[in-house]
Amino acid sequence: MSVVRQQNWTEPTPIQAQGWPLALSGRDLVGIAQTGSGKTLSVSWISWILLHRLLSRSQVDNLR
């Protein structure tokens, strides 16, 4: 997160703003945008969130 803060990003890029809600809803997504638009960061961020959700569910299942 420190890298994100250092970049002074205050809002997502258009491809991120349009793609994140779809990806988080579980739908497939194909994003086409120019180089430097934030596609890689977007995929990485969504992957981290989904992995975190999966691991959280796994930990709850282990408690049963």
Protein backbone atom coordinates (compact mmCIF):
# COMPACT_ATOMS: atom_id res chain seq x y z
CA MET A 1 0.00 0.00 0.00
CA SER A 2 2.89 2.38 0.57
CA VAL A 3 3.67 2.31 -3.17
CA VAL A 4 0.07 3.20 -3.96
CA ARG A 5 0.17 6.07 -1.49
CA GLN A 6 3.47 7.33 -2.92
CA GLN A 7 1.91 7.54 -6.40
CA ASN A 8 -0.78 9.93 -5.11
CA TRP A 9 -3.50 8.01 -6.91
CA THR A 10 -6.83 9.37 -5.73
CA GLU A 11 -9.20 7.44 -7.96
CA PRO A 12 -9.12 4.39 -10.22
CA THR A 13 -8.45 4.69 -13.93
CA PRO A 14 -11.47 4.22 -16.24
CA ILE A 15 -10.59 0.58 -16.99
CA GLN A 16 -10.29 -0.12 -13.26
CA ALA A 17 -13.51 1.69 -12.38
CA GLN A 18 -15.43 -0.28 -15.01
CA GLY A 19 -13.72 -3.62 -14.46
CA TRP A 20 -13.52 -4.00 -10.69
CA PRO A 21 -17.27 -4.28 -10.03
CA LEU A 22 -17.69 -6.90 -12.75
CA ALA A 23 -14.69 -8.93 -11.63
CA LEU A 24 -15.72 -8.80 -7.97
CA SER A 25 -19.21 -10.01 -8.90
CA GLY A 26 -17.65 -13.18 -10.31
CA ARG A 27 -18.30 -12.41 -13.96
CA ASP A 28 -15.74 -12.97 -16.69
CA LEU A 29 -14.07 -9.84 -17.96
CA VAL A 30 -12.00 -8.84 -20.97
CA GLY A 31 -10.42 -5.42 -20.61
CA ILE A 32 -8.86 -3.61 -23.54
CA ALA A 33 -7.07 -0.34 -22.86
CA GLN A 34 -3.86 1.42 -23.77
CA THR A 35 -0.51 0.73 -22.16
CA GLY A 36 -0.16 2.38 -18.77
CA SER A 37 -3.89 2.46 -18.08
CA GLY A 38 -3.70 0.24 -14.99
CA LYS A 39 -4.76 -3.14 -16.35
CA THR A 40 -2.03 -5.11 -14.59
CA LEU A 41 -2.62 -3.37 -11.28
CA SER A 42 -6.33 -3.99 -11.67
CA VAL A 43 -5.87 -7.73 -12.21
CA SER A 44 -3.39 -7.96 -9.34
CA TRP A 45 -5.69 -6.08 -6.98
CA ILE A 46 -8.74 -8.21 -7.84
CA SER A 47 -6.67 -11.40 -7.52
CA TRP A 48 -5.51 -10.36 -4.06
CA ILE A 49 -9.06 -9.57 -2.94
CA LEU A 50 -10.46 -12.85 -4.27
CA LEU A 51 -7.61 -14.86 -2.75
CA HIS A 52 -8.18 -13.13 0.59
CA ARG A 53 -11.89 -14.03 0.43
CA LEU A 54 -11.07 -17.64 -0.42
CA LEU A 55 -8.58 -17.95 2.42
CA SER A 56 -11.01 -16.36 4.87
CA ARG A 57 -13.69 -18.89 3.92
CA SER A 58 -11.17 -21.71 4.23
CA GLN A 59 -10.27 -20.62 7.75
CA VAL A 60 -13.95 -20.55 8.73
CA ASP A 61 -14.44 -24.04 7.27
CA ASN A 62 -11.50 -25.31 9.33
CA LEU A 63 -13.21 -24.13 12.52
CA ARG A 64 -16.23 -26.39 11.90
